[in-house]
Structures are given as structure tokens and as C-alpha cells.
Amino acid sequence: MKKKNIIVKKIWEKLSKPLMAFDAKVDGAISFFFRHYGKTKFMLAMSKKAQYFGLEGLYEKGPKAFVYFFLFYLVRDTILYILIPILFATWTSN
């Protein structure tokens, strides 16, 4: 178990500087994404509207905003609930 922790720590040390540099170039968008679990103010507002109008009504109100909302949620959920657990499982498994 200690070997795996050391390996993960070494990988993080090597990747943290380039990731932080990239995060700085995109004005902290990546750290904001992880700090708030990927929910932006736009997504929170659209979620409330989706609950109020329903998805069909939301699409009729603004198709372009609905498509952005859908894609943001699709990307966020794919990263948070599929990719990160798979990567974590592969790093911690034998």
C-alpha cells in the first residue's frame, strides 16, 4: 500500500506544476471546476429553470442556451462520474 501511495505522490509532484501553469493560463477555470464540482452560475440558473419549465419548455425558451447547458452537464458528469473513478481505480488496483 505504501508503494502505491509513493507512486501516486511522485506522479502528482511531476504533474502538479504543468497543471497549475495551465490552470493559470485559463484564469483558474480548472480549479474552479473541481472546487465547485463543475457547476457554474450558468448551470445552476439553468438547472432551476429546467425544474420550473421542464426540459421541453427550457428548450423552447432558448435552444442555444439549452444545448450549452446539456453539453456542460454531459462533460461534467462524464468527467466526475466516469473518468475520475476509472482513473482512480486503475491507479489503486493491482
Protein backbone atom coordinates (compact mmCIF):
# COMPACT_ATOMS: atom_id res chain seq x y z
CA MET A 1 0.00 0.00 0.00
CA LYS A 2 2.85 2.39 0.79
CA LYS A 3 4.39 1.76 -2.64
CA LYS A 4 1.19 2.82 -4.36
CA ASN A 5 0.97 5.97 -2.24
CA ILE A 6 4.56 6.84 -3.09
CA ILE A 7 3.92 6.27 -6.80
CA VAL A 8 0.80 8.45 -6.76
CA LYS A 9 2.68 11.13 -4.83
CA LYS A 10 5.54 11.13 -7.36
CA ILE A 11 3.09 11.32 -10.27
CA TRP A 12 1.29 14.24 -8.61
CA GLU A 13 4.58 16.06 -7.99
CA LYS A 14 5.51 15.74 -11.67
CA LEU A 15 2.07 16.75 -12.96
CA SER A 16 1.14 19.47 -10.50
CA LYS A 17 3.37 22.25 -11.88
CA PRO A 18 2.26 21.87 -15.52
CA LEU A 19 -1.39 21.53 -14.45
CA MET A 20 -1.20 24.61 -12.24
CA ALA A 21 0.51 26.55 -15.04
CA PHE A 22 -2.26 25.55 -17.47
CA ASP A 23 -4.88 26.46 -14.86
CA ALA A 24 -3.30 29.91 -14.54
CA LYS A 25 -3.43 30.35 -18.33
CA VAL A 26 -7.17 29.66 -18.36
CA ASP A 27 -7.78 32.05 -15.43
CA GLY A 28 -8.36 29.34 -12.84
CA ALA A 29 -11.22 27.68 -14.69
CA ILE A 30 -9.99 24.17 -13.96
CA SER A 31 -9.58 24.72 -10.22
CA PHE A 32 -12.98 26.46 -10.15
CA PHE A 33 -14.49 23.43 -11.91
CA PHE A 34 -13.16 20.99 -9.31
CA ARG A 35 -13.80 23.28 -6.34
CA HIS A 36 -17.48 23.68 -7.26
CA TYR A 37 -17.93 20.16 -8.69
CA GLY A 38 -18.26 21.60 -12.18
CA LYS A 39 -21.32 23.74 -11.54
CA THR A 40 -21.05 27.28 -12.83
CA LYS A 41 -23.53 30.05 -12.08
CA PHE A 42 -24.97 29.49 -15.56
CA MET A 43 -25.52 25.79 -14.87
CA LEU A 44 -27.16 26.47 -11.51
CA ALA A 45 -29.51 29.01 -13.07
CA MET A 46 -30.35 26.66 -15.95
CA SER A 47 -30.98 23.80 -13.51
CA LYS A 48 -33.52 25.93 -11.66
CA LYS A 49 -35.16 26.92 -14.95
CA ALA A 50 -35.22 23.28 -16.06
CA GLN A 51 -37.02 22.35 -12.85
CA TYR A 52 -39.51 25.18 -13.33
CA PHE A 53 -40.19 24.93 -17.08
CA GLY A 54 -39.28 21.31 -17.72
CA LEU A 55 -36.74 20.36 -20.35
CA GLU A 56 -39.06 20.89 -23.32
CA GLY A 57 -40.12 24.32 -22.09
CA LEU A 58 -36.49 25.23 -21.45
CA TYR A 59 -35.58 24.24 -25.00
CA GLU A 60 -38.44 26.34 -26.38
CA LYS A 61 -37.30 29.36 -24.33
CA GLY A 62 -33.75 29.23 -25.72
CA PRO A 63 -32.42 26.34 -27.82
CA LYS A 64 -28.85 27.65 -27.83
CA ALA A 65 -28.67 28.02 -24.03
CA PHE A 66 -30.27 24.59 -23.63
CA VAL A 67 -27.62 22.98 -25.85
CA TYR A 68 -24.81 24.64 -23.87
CA PHE A 69 -26.43 23.55 -20.61
CA PHE A 70 -26.80 19.98 -21.84
CA LEU A 71 -23.21 19.79 -23.12
CA PHE A 72 -21.80 21.28 -19.91
CA TYR A 73 -23.67 18.74 -17.83
CA LEU A 74 -22.69 15.92 -20.15
CA VAL A 75 -19.00 16.83 -19.96
CA ARG A 76 -19.09 17.47 -16.21
CA ASP A 77 -20.86 14.22 -15.40
CA THR A 78 -18.61 12.24 -17.72
CA ILE A 79 -15.53 13.60 -16.00
CA LEU A 80 -16.79 13.38 -12.43
CA TYR A 81 -18.68 10.11 -12.50
CA ILE A 82 -16.94 8.07 -15.21
CA LEU A 83 -13.38 9.18 -15.96
CA ILE A 84 -12.15 10.09 -12.47
CA PRO A 85 -13.42 6.84 -10.85
CA ILE A 86 -11.90 4.76 -13.67
CA LEU A 87 -8.55 6.52 -13.34
CA PHE A 88 -8.64 6.22 -9.56
CA ALA A 89 -9.48 2.51 -9.79
CA THR A 90 -6.66 1.82 -12.23
CA TRP A 91 -4.16 3.74 -10.07
CA THR A 92 -5.14 1.90 -6.89
CA SER A 93 -5.66 -1.60 -8.27
CA ASN A 94 -3.03 -4.26 -8.72
